[in-house]
Amino acid sequence: MRALQITGLNESSLVTLPDPVPGPGEALVALRAAALNHRDVWIKIGQYAGITYPCIPGSDGAGTVVALGEGADPSWLGRAVIIDPALGWGRDTRAQGPDFDILGLRRPGTLATHVRVPATLLVPKPEFLSWDEAAALPLAGLTAWRALLTRAAAKHGDRVLVTGIGGGVALFVLQFAVASGLETWVTSSSPDKIAQAVRLGARGGFVYGRPGWAAAATAAAGQFTVIVDGAGGEGFGDLIDLAAPGGRIALYGATRGNPPGIALRKIFWRQLSLLGSTMGSPADWAAMTRFVNAHWIKPVVAATFPLEQAAEAFALMEAGGQFGKIVLQIAESAQESP
């Protein structure tokens, strides 16, 4: 098979490797498309825990099952599928267990022509999604679902604020909230991204960083009962001010670092809940994929590249500024069974 292999800090190349062989209970998927996540960039630049080189990154993928290991459900053979990237969650739906892992680091990932995964991680590809859209769904969609609907338990009557619109998770939070009938607002550093979010159903948005933006947001929309954030950093204090009494703030990342100088009295006096969220359980995955099918949710794809141009795809991800997911297309000629 062909695969993008990271061999060291900021060192990667497209290589030819032996074809994977599915073990007991596993499926071999011939990939048609794979999508990037910030996790892949952090692995490439050496800023992710537990990195070992060489590795094949990639957590998101969609393709066709071309082989099965002993004991795997034979009905999967030949089917178009998407892959749950959450491995070994454990029995407790409240949090992942010690064996939890994510496809694309210790286990070879989806930036390849083929990937070997437990067959239990597969779900049928929705027919209304293209290969690119299907590949864009798994990690970001799962993360968004758990943050918004499991951890924050967003429900009818909630007013939702989604920060940093344009990233994959934030866009899914917006799409899931809008499809759930929730009043949803967004933040961004870019007025253009806010305008694009409005076209997806957001009520409006606010350019964070402008002086007095949080006060302007409160004046325009009121306080928010649910806030979903993946940035943290200096602006996190504004989110606490924007949260309504009894509000829930779900956190799925800290791309801007740890928030300094948080006034704890505002949290306890106003009965706020800070809710950490990472990826999602098998129950979250099942609920998310059912919802996507029921509401015909189409992931937003910002750009596509052939696998051979993975370096350009990574450069775009590192530069930021995209609105939606970056997808690597894997040539159909590479999809023959090994």
C-alpha atoms as a PDB file:
ATOM      1  CA  MET A   1       0.000   0.000   0.000  1.00  0.00           C
ATOM      2  CA  ARG A   2       0.970   3.672  -0.265  1.00  0.00           C
ATOM      3  CA  ALA A   3       0.952   5.807   2.859  1.00  0.00           C
ATOM      4  CA  LEU A   4       2.079   9.147   4.204  1.00  0.00           C
ATOM      5  CA  GLN A   5       4.667   8.297   6.833  1.00  0.00           C
ATOM      6  CA  ILE A   6       6.016  10.750   9.381  1.00  0.00           C
ATOM      7  CA  THR A   7       9.570   9.757  10.193  1.00  0.00           C
ATOM      8  CA  GLY A   8      10.638  12.599  12.481  1.00  0.00           C
ATOM      9  CA  LEU A   9       9.993  16.172  13.484  1.00  0.00           C
ATOM     10  CA  ASN A  10       8.501  17.858  10.396  1.00  0.00           C
ATOM     11  CA  GLU A  11       9.744  14.991   8.244  1.00  0.00           C
ATOM     12  CA  SER A  12       7.313  13.017   6.109  1.00  0.00           C
ATOM     13  CA  SER A  13       7.165  11.223   2.765  1.00  0.00           C
ATOM     14  CA  LEU A  14       4.873   9.056   0.689  1.00  0.00           C
ATOM     15  CA  VAL A  15       6.115   5.487   0.998  1.00  0.00           C
ATOM     16  CA  THR A  16       5.195   2.004  -0.175  1.00  0.00           C
ATOM     17  CA  LEU A  17       4.643  -0.507   2.632  1.00  0.00           C
ATOM     18  CA  PRO A  18       3.479  -4.112   2.872  1.00  0.00           C
ATOM     19  CA  ASP A  19      -0.261  -4.537   2.541  1.00  0.00           C
ATOM     20  CA  PRO A  20      -2.002  -4.759   5.944  1.00  0.00           C
ATOM     21  CA  VAL A  21      -3.651  -8.056   6.847  1.00  0.00           C
ATOM     22  CA  PRO A  22      -6.771  -7.879   9.021  1.00  0.00           C
ATOM     23  CA  GLY A  23      -6.562  -9.826  12.259  1.00  0.00           C
ATOM     24  CA  PRO A  24      -9.404 -11.490  14.172  1.00  0.00           C
ATOM     25  CA  GLY A  25     -12.482  -9.254  14.241  1.00  0.00           C
ATOM     26  CA  GLU A  26     -10.865  -6.681  11.960  1.00  0.00           C
ATOM     27  CA  ALA A  27     -11.706  -5.183   8.592  1.00  0.00           C
ATOM     28  CA  LEU A  28      -9.397  -3.887   5.887  1.00  0.00           C
ATOM     29  CA  VAL A  29     -10.751  -0.689   4.346  1.00  0.00           C
ATOM     30  CA  ALA A  30      -9.578   0.577   0.969  1.00  0.00           C
ATOM     31  CA  LEU A  31      -9.805   4.301   1.538  1.00  0.00           C
ATOM     32  CA  ARG A  32     -11.323   6.711  -0.932  1.00  0.00           C
ATOM     33  CA  ALA A  33     -10.780   9.860   1.151  1.00  0.00           C
ATOM     34  CA  ALA A  34      -9.231  10.931   4.451  1.00  0.00           C
ATOM     35  CA  ALA A  35      -9.443  14.237   6.310  1.00  0.00           C
ATOM     36  CA  LEU A  36      -6.918  16.168   8.368  1.00  0.00           C
ATOM     37  CA  ASN A  37      -7.306  17.289  11.960  1.00  0.00           C
ATOM     38  CA  HIS A  38      -5.147  19.591  14.065  1.00  0.00           C
ATOM     39  CA  ARG A  39      -4.049  16.422  15.853  1.00  0.00           C
ATOM     40  CA  ASP A  40      -2.201  15.371  12.692  1.00  0.00           C
ATOM     41  CA  VAL A  41      -0.369  18.700  12.573  1.00  0.00           C
ATOM     42  CA  TRP A  42       0.620  18.429  16.235  1.00  0.00           C
ATOM     43  CA  ILE A  43       1.991  14.934  15.601  1.00  0.00           C
ATOM     44  CA  LYS A  44       3.965  16.230  12.621  1.00  0.00           C
ATOM     45  CA  ILE A  45       5.526  19.101  14.607  1.00  0.00           C
ATOM     46  CA  GLY A  46       6.189  16.975  17.700  1.00  0.00           C
ATOM     47  CA  GLN A  47       3.648  18.593  20.026  1.00  0.00           C
ATOM     48  CA  TYR A  48       1.467  15.601  20.823  1.00  0.00           C
ATOM     49  CA  ALA A  49       1.838  13.212  23.755  1.00  0.00           C
ATOM     50  CA  GLY A  50       3.172   9.728  23.142  1.00  0.00           C
ATOM     51  CA  ILE A  51       4.594  10.325  19.668  1.00  0.00           C
ATOM     52  CA  THR A  52       6.624   7.495  18.196  1.00  0.00           C
ATOM     53  CA  TYR A  53       8.202   7.646  14.740  1.00  0.00           C
ATOM     54  CA  PRO A  54       7.691   6.406  12.109  1.00  0.00           C
ATOM     55  CA  CYS A  55       3.913   6.653  12.116  1.00  0.00           C
ATOM     56  CA  ILE A  56       1.035   6.942   9.671  1.00  0.00           C
ATOM     57  CA  PRO A  57      -1.268   9.740  10.872  1.00  0.00           C
ATOM     58  CA  GLY A  58      -4.915  10.243  10.049  1.00  0.00           C
ATOM     59  CA  SER A  59      -8.028   9.669  12.160  1.00  0.00           C
ATOM     60  CA  ASP A  60     -10.737  10.366   9.561  1.00  0.00           C
ATOM     61  CA  GLY A  61     -11.491   8.105   6.641  1.00  0.00           C
ATOM     62  CA  ALA A  62     -14.123   6.622   4.345  1.00  0.00           C
ATOM     63  CA  GLY A  63     -13.776   3.743   1.915  1.00  0.00           C
ATOM     64  CA  THR A  64     -14.793   0.220   0.985  1.00  0.00           C
ATOM     65  CA  VAL A  65     -14.241  -2.952   3.010  1.00  0.00           C
ATOM     66  CA  VAL A  66     -12.063  -5.266   0.909  1.00  0.00           C
ATOM     67  CA  ALA A  67     -11.073  -7.971   3.405  1.00  0.00           C
ATOM     68  CA  LEU A  68     -12.116  -9.311   6.791  1.00  0.00           C
ATOM     69  CA  GLY A  69     -10.332 -11.139   9.565  1.00  0.00           C
ATOM     70  CA  GLU A  70     -11.597 -14.240  11.303  1.00  0.00           C
ATOM     71  CA  GLY A  71     -14.770 -13.620  13.282  1.00  0.00           C
ATOM     72  CA  ALA A  72     -15.640 -10.280  11.673  1.00  0.00           C
ATOM     73  CA  ASP A  73     -19.205  -9.864  10.446  1.00  0.00           C
ATOM     74  CA  PRO A  74     -19.103 -11.056   6.805  1.00  0.00           C
ATOM     75  CA  SER A  75     -21.878  -8.640   5.813  1.00  0.00           C
ATOM     76  CA  TRP A  76     -19.326  -5.778   5.846  1.00  0.00           C
ATOM     77  CA  LEU A  77     -17.412  -7.118   2.853  1.00  0.00           C
ATOM     78  CA  GLY A  78     -17.752  -4.816  -0.147  1.00  0.00           C
ATOM     79  CA  ARG A  79     -19.670  -2.123   1.731  1.00  0.00           C
ATOM     80  CA  ALA A  80     -18.922   1.605   1.724  1.00  0.00           C
ATOM     81  CA  VAL A  81     -18.140   2.698   5.287  1.00  0.00           C
ATOM     82  CA  ILE A  82     -16.900   5.449   7.555  1.00  0.00           C
ATOM     83  CA  ILE A  83     -14.673   4.695  10.532  1.00  0.00           C
ATOM     84  CA  ASP A  84     -15.082   5.638  14.192  1.00  0.00           C
ATOM     85  CA  PRO A  85     -11.583   6.862  15.193  1.00  0.00           C
ATOM     86  CA  ALA A  86     -12.113   6.279  18.951  1.00  0.00           C
ATOM     87  CA  LEU A  87     -10.434   3.049  20.041  1.00  0.00           C
ATOM     88  CA  GLY A  88     -10.957   1.246  23.338  1.00  0.00           C
ATOM     89  CA  TRP A  89     -13.199   3.785  25.063  1.00  0.00           C
ATOM     90  CA  GLY A  90     -14.104   1.384  27.885  1.00  0.00           C
ATOM     91  CA  ARG A  91     -17.307   0.568  29.729  1.00  0.00           C
ATOM     92  CA  ASP A  92     -17.977   3.900  31.436  1.00  0.00           C
ATOM     93  CA  THR A  93     -19.794   6.346  29.158  1.00  0.00           C
ATOM     94  CA  ARG A  94     -18.858   9.210  31.494  1.00  0.00           C
ATOM     95  CA  ALA A  95     -15.174   9.150  30.508  1.00  0.00           C
ATOM     96  CA  GLN A  96     -12.708   7.131  28.458  1.00  0.00           C
ATOM     97  CA  GLY A  97     -10.759   4.360  30.154  1.00  0.00           C
ATOM     98  CA  PRO A  98      -6.990   3.737  30.378  1.00  0.00           C
ATOM     99  CA  ASP A  99      -6.904   1.822  27.076  1.00  0.00           C
ATOM    100  CA  PHE A 100      -8.438   4.654  25.067  1.00  0.00           C
ATOM    101  CA  ASP A 101      -6.588   5.619  21.905  1.00  0.00           C
ATOM    102  CA  ILE A 102      -7.262   7.508  18.679  1.00  0.00           C
ATOM    103  CA  LEU A 103      -6.668   6.090  15.233  1.00  0.00           C
ATOM    104  CA  GLY A 104      -3.559   7.542  13.607  1.00  0.00           C
ATOM    105  CA  LEU A 105      -0.749   7.455  16.136  1.00  0.00           C
ATOM    106  CA  ARG A 106       0.095   4.182  17.840  1.00  0.00           C
ATOM    107  CA  ARG A 107      -2.220   2.438  15.389  1.00  0.00           C
ATOM    108  CA  PRO A 108      -1.558   3.318  11.719  1.00  0.00           C
ATOM    109  CA  GLY A 109      -4.090   5.811  10.445  1.00  0.00           C
ATOM    110  CA  THR A 110      -6.028   6.825   7.387  1.00  0.00           C
ATOM    111  CA  LEU A 111      -3.487   8.825   5.364  1.00  0.00           C
ATOM    112  CA  ALA A 112      -2.924   5.738   3.262  1.00  0.00           C
ATOM    113  CA  THR A 113      -4.566   3.654   0.577  1.00  0.00           C
ATOM    114  CA  HIS A 114      -5.599   1.027   3.161  1.00  0.00           C
ATOM    115  CA  VAL A 115      -6.237   0.914   6.900  1.00  0.00           C
ATOM    116  CA  ARG A 116      -6.857  -2.028   9.228  1.00  0.00           C
ATOM    117  CA  VAL A 117      -9.433  -1.415  12.002  1.00  0.00           C
ATOM    118  CA  PRO A 118     -11.761  -3.366  14.293  1.00  0.00           C
ATOM    119  CA  ALA A 119     -14.955  -4.056  12.350  1.00  0.00           C
ATOM    120  CA  THR A 120     -16.964  -2.763  15.320  1.00  0.00           C
ATOM    121  CA  LEU A 121     -15.790   0.761  14.427  1.00  0.00           C
ATOM    122  CA  LEU A 122     -17.532   0.737  11.048  1.00  0.00           C
ATOM    123  CA  VAL A 123     -20.843   2.273  10.052  1.00  0.00           C
ATOM    124  CA  PRO A 124     -22.331   2.400   6.549  1.00  0.00           C
ATOM    125  CA  LYS A 125     -21.478   5.529   4.587  1.00  0.00           C
ATOM    126  CA  PRO A 126     -24.606   7.663   4.206  1.00  0.00           C
ATOM    127  CA  GLU A 127     -25.600   7.580   0.546  1.00  0.00           C
ATOM    128  CA  PHE A 128     -26.236  11.334   0.441  1.00  0.00           C
ATOM    129  CA  LEU A 129     -22.606  12.090   1.343  1.00  0.00           C
ATOM    130  CA  SER A 130     -19.764  12.187  -1.166  1.00  0.00           C
ATOM    131  CA  TRP A 131     -16.563  10.370  -0.285  1.00  0.00           C
ATOM    132  CA  ASP A 132     -14.981  13.710   0.676  1.00  0.00           C
ATOM    133  CA  GLU A 133     -17.892  14.647   2.936  1.00  0.00           C
ATOM    134  CA  ALA A 134     -18.008  11.206   4.536  1.00  0.00           C
ATOM    135  CA  ALA A 135     -14.285  11.338   5.333  1.00  0.00           C
ATOM    136  CA  ALA A 136     -14.741  14.767   6.949  1.00  0.00           C
ATOM    137  CA  LEU A 137     -17.282  13.529   9.478  1.00  0.00           C
ATOM    138  CA  PRO A 138     -15.774  11.178  12.073  1.00  0.00           C
ATOM    139  CA  LEU A 139     -13.424  12.876  14.556  1.00  0.00           C
ATOM    140  CA  ALA A 140     -14.819  16.414  14.412  1.00  0.00           C
ATOM    141  CA  GLY A 141     -18.414  15.241  14.253  1.00  0.00           C
ATOM    142  CA  LEU A 142     -17.971  12.911  17.216  1.00  0.00           C
ATOM    143  CA  THR A 143     -16.186  15.582  19.263  1.00  0.00           C
ATOM    144  CA  ALA A 144     -18.886  18.162  18.500  1.00  0.00           C
ATOM    145  CA  TRP A 145     -21.701  15.776  19.329  1.00  0.00           C
ATOM    146  CA  ARG A 146     -20.347  14.850  22.746  1.00  0.00           C
ATOM    147  CA  ALA A 147     -19.495  18.446  23.682  1.00  0.00           C
ATOM    148  CA  LEU A 148     -22.861  19.909  22.674  1.00  0.00           C
ATOM    149  CA  LEU A 149     -25.387  17.143  23.235  1.00  0.00           C
ATOM    150  CA  THR A 150     -23.843  14.746  25.761  1.00  0.00           C
ATOM    151  CA  ARG A 151     -21.740  16.935  28.042  1.00  0.00           C
ATOM    152  CA  ALA A 152     -23.613  20.255  27.736  1.00  0.00           C
ATOM    153  CA  ALA A 153     -26.916  18.402  27.193  1.00  0.00           C
ATOM    154  CA  ALA A 154     -28.215  21.163  24.918  1.00  0.00           C
ATOM    155  CA  LYS A 155     -31.992  21.085  24.678  1.00  0.00           C
ATOM    156  CA  HIS A 156     -34.987  23.051  23.425  1.00  0.00           C
ATOM    157  CA  GLY A 157     -34.874  26.609  24.695  1.00  0.00           C
ATOM    158  CA  ASP A 158     -31.095  26.836  25.007  1.00  0.00           C
ATOM    159  CA  ARG A 159     -29.235  29.729  23.418  1.00  0.00           C
ATOM    160  CA  VAL A 160     -25.907  28.414  22.109  1.00  0.00           C
ATOM    161  CA  LEU A 161     -22.622  30.214  21.423  1.00  0.00           C
ATOM    162  CA  VAL A 162     -19.997  28.432  19.291  1.00  0.00           C
ATOM    163  CA  THR A 163     -16.520  29.953  19.395  1.00  0.00           C
ATOM    164  CA  GLY A 164     -13.942  29.979  16.601  1.00  0.00           C
ATOM    165  CA  ILE A 165     -16.298  29.170  13.759  1.00  0.00           C
ATOM    166  CA  GLY A 166     -14.562  27.767  10.705  1.00  0.00           C
ATOM    167  CA  GLY A 167     -12.819  24.849  12.382  1.00  0.00           C
ATOM    168  CA  GLY A 168     -14.205  21.373  11.838  1.00  0.00           C
ATOM    169  CA  VAL A 169     -15.558  20.778  15.347  1.00  0.00           C
ATOM    170  CA  ALA A 170     -17.066  24.265  15.641  1.00  0.00           C
ATOM    171  CA  LEU A 171     -18.857  23.864  12.317  1.00  0.00           C
ATOM    172  CA  PHE A 172     -20.375  20.559  13.388  1.00  0.00           C
ATOM    173  CA  VAL A 173     -21.500  22.094  16.680  1.00  0.00           C
ATOM    174  CA  LEU A 174     -23.229  24.811  14.642  1.00  0.00           C
ATOM    175  CA  GLN A 175     -24.838  22.309  12.264  1.00  0.00           C
ATOM    176  CA  PHE A 176     -26.014  20.002  15.060  1.00  0.00           C
ATOM    177  CA  ALA A 177     -27.398  22.929  17.074  1.00  0.00           C
ATOM    178  CA  VAL A 178     -29.249  24.417  14.110  1.00  0.00           C
ATOM    179  CA  ALA A 179     -30.674  21.017  13.123  1.00  0.00           C
ATOM    180  CA  SER A 180     -31.839  20.622  16.746  1.00  0.00           C
ATOM    181  CA  GLY A 181     -33.768  23.880  16.489  1.00  0.00           C
ATOM    182  CA  LEU A 182     -31.530  25.817  18.885  1.00  0.00           C
ATOM    183  CA  GLU A 183     -30.848  29.547  18.628  1.00  0.00           C
ATOM    184  CA  THR A 184     -27.152  29.574  17.745  1.00  0.00           C
ATOM    185  CA  TRP A 185     -24.571  32.354  17.554  1.00  0.00           C
ATOM    186  CA  VAL A 186     -20.879  32.194  16.670  1.00  0.00           C
ATOM    187  CA  THR A 187     -17.589  34.016  17.181  1.00  0.00           C
ATOM    188  CA  SER A 188     -14.661  34.433  14.824  1.00  0.00           C
ATOM    189  CA  SER A 189     -11.783  36.766  14.073  1.00  0.00           C
ATOM    190  CA  SER A 190     -13.169  36.984  10.528  1.00  0.00           C
ATOM    191  CA  PRO A 191     -16.414  38.753   9.511  1.00  0.00           C
ATOM    192  CA  ASP A 192     -16.428  36.612   6.369  1.00  0.00           C
ATOM    193  CA  LYS A 193     -16.518  33.406   8.405  1.00  0.00           C
ATOM    194  CA  ILE A 194     -19.394  34.794  10.453  1.00  0.00           C
ATOM    195  CA  ALA A 195     -21.268  35.546   7.227  1.00  0.00           C
ATOM    196  CA  GLN A 196     -20.681  31.971   6.043  1.00  0.00           C
ATOM    197  CA  ALA A 197     -21.925  30.661   9.404  1.00  0.00           C
ATOM    198  CA  VAL A 198     -25.107  32.713   9.045  1.00  0.00           C
ATOM    199  CA  ARG A 199     -25.702  31.019   5.704  1.00  0.00           C
ATOM    200  CA  LEU A 200     -25.491  27.691   7.578  1.00  0.00           C
ATOM    201  CA  GLY A 201     -28.172  28.808  10.020  1.00  0.00           C
ATOM    202  CA  ALA A 202     -26.409  30.854  12.722  1.00  0.00           C
ATOM    203  CA  ARG A 203     -28.504  33.744  14.047  1.00  0.00           C
ATOM    204  CA  GLY A 204     -25.448  36.010  13.917  1.00  0.00           C
ATOM    205  CA  GLY A 205     -21.912  36.367  15.189  1.00  0.00           C
ATOM    206  CA  PHE A 206     -19.301  38.488  16.903  1.00  0.00           C
ATOM    207  CA  VAL A 207     -15.709  39.332  16.055  1.00  0.00           C
ATOM    208  CA  TYR A 208     -13.782  38.411  19.178  1.00  0.00           C
ATOM    209  CA  GLY A 209     -10.834  40.591  20.034  1.00  0.00           C
ATOM    210  CA  ARG A 210     -12.621  43.820  19.226  1.00  0.00           C
ATOM    211  CA  PRO A 211     -12.857  46.098  22.264  1.00  0.00           C
ATOM    212  CA  GLY A 212     -16.117  45.479  24.094  1.00  0.00           C
ATOM    213  CA  TRP A 213     -17.147  42.542  21.888  1.00  0.00           C
ATOM    214  CA  ALA A 214     -18.558  40.510  24.787  1.00  0.00           C
ATOM    215  CA  ALA A 215     -20.730  43.380  25.990  1.00  0.00           C
ATOM    216  CA  ALA A 216     -21.938  43.900  22.420  1.00  0.00           C
ATOM    217  CA  ALA A 217     -22.769  40.204  22.175  1.00  0.00           C
ATOM    218  CA  THR A 218     -24.814  40.343  25.376  1.00  0.00           C
ATOM    219  CA  ALA A 219     -26.652  43.426  24.121  1.00  0.00           C
ATOM    220  CA  ALA A 220     -27.443  41.746  20.792  1.00  0.00           C
ATOM    221  CA  ALA A 221     -28.297  38.232  21.898  1.00  0.00           C
ATOM    222  CA  GLY A 222     -28.482  38.105  25.683  1.00  0.00           C
ATOM    223  CA  GLN A 223     -26.494  35.623  27.747  1.00  0.00           C
ATOM    224  CA  PHE A 224     -25.948  32.055  26.582  1.00  0.00           C
ATOM    225  CA  THR A 225     -27.106  28.922  28.354  1.00  0.00           C
ATOM    226  CA  VAL A 226     -24.635  26.754  26.407  1.00  0.00           C
ATOM    227  CA  ILE A 227     -21.168  27.773  25.179  1.00  0.00           C
ATOM    228  CA  VAL A 228     -18.908  25.363  23.269  1.00  0.00           C
ATOM    229  CA  ASP A 229     -15.232  26.347  23.089  1.00  0.00           C
ATOM    230  CA  GLY A 230     -12.048  24.749  21.789  1.00  0.00           C
ATOM    231  CA  ALA A 231      -9.622  27.620  22.309  1.00  0.00           C
ATOM    232  CA  GLY A 232      -9.285  28.608  25.967  1.00  0.00           C
ATOM    233  CA  GLY A 233      -6.596  31.277  26.303  1.00  0.00           C
ATOM    234  CA  GLU A 234      -6.989  34.895  27.321  1.00  0.00           C
ATOM    235  CA  GLY A 235     -10.491  35.205  25.889  1.00  0.00           C
ATOM    236  CA  PHE A 236     -11.956  32.523  28.122  1.00  0.00           C
ATOM    237  CA  GLY A 237     -12.870  35.076  30.784  1.00  0.00           C
ATOM    238  CA  ASP A 238     -15.216  36.713  28.283  1.00  0.00           C
ATOM    239  CA  LEU A 239     -17.054  33.408  27.888  1.00  0.00           C
ATOM    240  CA  ILE A 240     -17.678  33.233  31.619  1.00  0.00           C
ATOM    241  CA  ASP A 241     -19.177  36.732  31.454  1.00  0.00           C
ATOM    242  CA  LEU A 242     -21.340  35.662  28.510  1.00  0.00           C
ATOM    243  CA  ALA A 243     -22.722  32.573  30.257  1.00  0.00           C
ATOM    244  CA  ALA A 244     -26.188  32.860  31.721  1.00  0.00           C
ATOM    245  CA  PRO A 245     -26.728  31.910  35.393  1.00  0.00           C
ATOM    246  CA  GLY A 246     -26.756  28.124  35.515  1.00  0.00           C
ATOM    247  CA  GLY A 247     -25.104  27.977  32.095  1.00  0.00           C
ATOM    248  CA  ARG A 248     -22.864  25.203  30.790  1.00  0.00           C
ATOM    249  CA  ILE A 249     -19.507  25.763  29.082  1.00  0.00           C
ATOM    250  CA  ALA A 250     -18.210  22.695  27.227  1.00  0.00           C
ATOM    251  CA  LEU A 251     -14.468  22.642  26.485  1.00  0.00           C
ATOM    252  CA  TYR A 252     -12.972  20.314  23.877  1.00  0.00           C
ATOM    253  CA  GLY A 253      -9.561  21.929  23.304  1.00  0.00           C
ATOM    254  CA  ALA A 254      -7.122  24.650  24.288  1.00  0.00           C
ATOM    255  CA  THR A 255      -5.545  25.880  21.054  1.00  0.00           C
ATOM    256  CA  ARG A 256      -4.838  29.254  22.679  1.00  0.00           C
ATOM    257  CA  GLY A 257      -3.432  27.773  25.869  1.00  0.00           C
ATOM    258  CA  ASN A 258      -4.563  27.892  29.468  1.00  0.00           C
ATOM    259  CA  PRO A 259      -6.813  30.816  30.451  1.00  0.00           C
ATOM    260  CA  PRO A 260      -5.129  33.230  32.864  1.00  0.00           C
ATOM    261  CA  GLY A 261      -6.760  35.072  35.749  1.00  0.00           C
ATOM    262  CA  ILE A 262     -10.161  33.389  35.820  1.00  0.00           C
ATOM    263  CA  ALA A 263     -12.476  34.904  38.461  1.00  0.00           C
ATOM    264  CA  LEU A 264     -13.686  31.771  40.229  1.00  0.00           C
ATOM    265  CA  ARG A 265     -16.324  33.717  42.147  1.00  0.00           C
ATOM    266  CA  LYS A 266     -18.179  34.299  38.880  1.00  0.00           C
ATOM    267  CA  ILE A 267     -18.315  30.547  38.308  1.00  0.00           C
ATOM    268  CA  PHE A 268     -19.575  29.479  41.718  1.00  0.00           C
ATOM    269  CA  TRP A 269     -21.810  32.474  42.407  1.00  0.00           C
ATOM    270  CA  ARG A 270     -23.615  32.107  39.082  1.00  0.00           C
ATOM    271  CA  GLN A 271     -23.782  28.296  39.299  1.00  0.00           C
ATOM    272  CA  LEU A 272     -21.860  27.748  36.062  1.00  0.00           C
ATOM    273  CA  SER A 273     -20.754  24.289  34.915  1.00  0.00           C
ATOM    274  CA  LEU A 274     -17.399  23.830  33.165  1.00  0.00           C
ATOM    275  CA  LEU A 275     -17.529  20.563  31.239  1.00  0.00           C
ATOM    276  CA  GLY A 276     -14.455  18.912  29.761  1.00  0.00           C
ATOM    277  CA  SER A 277     -15.062  16.801  26.666  1.00  0.00           C
ATOM    278  CA  THR A 278     -12.801  14.594  24.532  1.00  0.00           C
ATOM    279  CA  MET A 279     -13.877  12.654  21.438  1.00  0.00           C
ATOM    280  CA  GLY A 280     -16.834  10.398  22.254  1.00  0.00           C
ATOM    281  CA  SER A 281     -18.039   7.002  23.422  1.00  0.00           C
ATOM    282  CA  PRO A 282     -19.535   4.278  21.216  1.00  0.00           C
ATOM    283  CA  ALA A 283     -22.963   5.517  22.341  1.00  0.00           C
ATOM    284  CA  ASP A 284     -22.056   9.048  21.197  1.00  0.00           C
ATOM    285  CA  TRP A 285     -20.850   7.695  17.846  1.00  0.00           C
ATOM    286  CA  ALA A 286     -24.071   5.761  17.294  1.00  0.00           C
ATOM    287  CA  ALA A 287     -26.246   8.741  18.253  1.00  0.00           C
ATOM    288  CA  MET A 288     -24.219  11.139  16.097  1.00  0.00           C
ATOM    289  CA  THR A 289     -24.367   8.982  12.977  1.00  0.00           C
ATOM    290  CA  ARG A 290     -28.128   8.431  13.440  1.00  0.00           C
ATOM    291  CA  PHE A 291     -28.630  12.189  13.708  1.00  0.00           C
ATOM    292  CA  VAL A 292     -26.527  12.875  10.620  1.00  0.00           C
ATOM    293  CA  ASN A 293     -28.613  10.403   8.629  1.00  0.00           C
ATOM    294  CA  ALA A 294     -31.920  11.696   9.982  1.00  0.00           C
ATOM    295  CA  HIS A 295     -31.113  15.355   9.277  1.00  0.00           C
ATOM    296  CA  TRP A 296     -28.967  14.919   6.172  1.00  0.00           C
ATOM    297  CA  ILE A 297     -26.062  16.801   7.754  1.00  0.00           C
ATOM    298  CA  LYS A 298     -23.397  17.513   5.130  1.00  0.00           C
ATOM    299  CA  PRO A 299     -19.898  18.294   6.430  1.00  0.00           C
ATOM    300  CA  VAL A 300     -18.334  21.488   5.130  1.00  0.00           C
ATOM    301  CA  VAL A 301     -15.259  20.721   3.021  1.00  0.00           C
ATOM    302  CA  ALA A 302     -12.888  23.661   2.608  1.00  0.00           C
ATOM    303  CA  ALA A 303     -10.323  22.124   0.242  1.00  0.00           C
ATOM    304  CA  THR A 304      -9.292  18.830  -1.299  1.00  0.00           C
ATOM    305  CA  PHE A 305      -5.871  17.513  -2.303  1.00  0.00           C
ATOM    306  CA  PRO A 306      -4.673  14.210  -3.730  1.00  0.00           C
ATOM    307  CA  LEU A 307      -2.722  12.075  -1.279  1.00  0.00           C
ATOM    308  CA  GLU A 308       0.429  12.906  -3.248  1.00  0.00           C
ATOM    309  CA  GLN A 309      -0.017  16.566  -2.227  1.00  0.00           C
ATOM    310  CA  ALA A 310      -0.301  15.877   1.499  1.00  0.00           C
ATOM    311  CA  ALA A 311       2.455  18.427   2.201  1.00  0.00           C
ATOM    312  CA  GLU A 312       0.315  21.180   0.668  1.00  0.00           C
ATOM    313  CA  ALA A 313      -2.705  20.033   2.683  1.00  0.00           C
ATOM    314  CA  PHE A 314      -0.692  20.154   5.910  1.00  0.00           C
ATOM    315  CA  ALA A 315       0.606  23.615   5.014  1.00  0.00           C
ATOM    316  CA  LEU A 316      -2.948  24.898   4.592  1.00  0.00           C
ATOM    317  CA  MET A 317      -3.975  23.395   7.929  1.00  0.00           C
ATOM    318  CA  GLU A 318      -0.963  24.944   9.668  1.00  0.00           C
ATOM    319  CA  ALA A 319      -1.639  28.356   8.114  1.00  0.00           C
ATOM    320  CA  GLY A 320      -5.243  28.304   9.328  1.00  0.00           C
ATOM    321  CA  GLY A 321      -7.971  30.435   7.895  1.00  0.00           C
ATOM    322  CA  GLN A 322      -9.920  27.667   6.176  1.00  0.00           C
ATOM    323  CA  PHE A 323     -13.685  27.315   6.665  1.00  0.00           C
ATOM    324  CA  GLY A 324     -14.323  23.594   6.981  1.00  0.00           C
ATOM    325  CA  LYS A 325     -12.366  20.382   6.676  1.00  0.00           C
ATOM    326  CA  ILE A 326      -9.307  19.671   4.532  1.00  0.00           C
ATOM    327  CA  VAL A 327      -9.630  16.360   2.699  1.00  0.00           C
ATOM    328  CA  LEU A 328      -7.087  14.131   0.988  1.00  0.00           C
ATOM    329  CA  GLN A 329      -8.503  12.192  -1.958  1.00  0.00           C
ATOM    330  CA  ILE A 330      -7.095   8.743  -2.565  1.00  0.00           C
ATOM    331  CA  ALA A 331      -7.034   7.699  -6.219  1.00  0.00           C
ATOM    332  CA  GLU A 332      -9.596   5.072  -7.135  1.00  0.00           C
ATOM    333  CA  SER A 333      -6.884   3.116  -8.965  1.00  0.00           C
ATOM    334  CA  ALA A 334      -5.240   2.503  -5.585  1.00  0.00           C
ATOM    335  CA  GLN A 335      -8.312   0.795  -4.146  1.00  0.00           C
ATOM    336  CA  GLU A 336      -7.702  -2.732  -5.387  1.00  0.00           C
ATOM    337  CA  SER A 337      -7.769  -5.483  -2.823  1.00  0.00           C
ATOM    338  CA  PRO A 338      -4.329  -6.424  -1.530  1.00  0.00           C
END
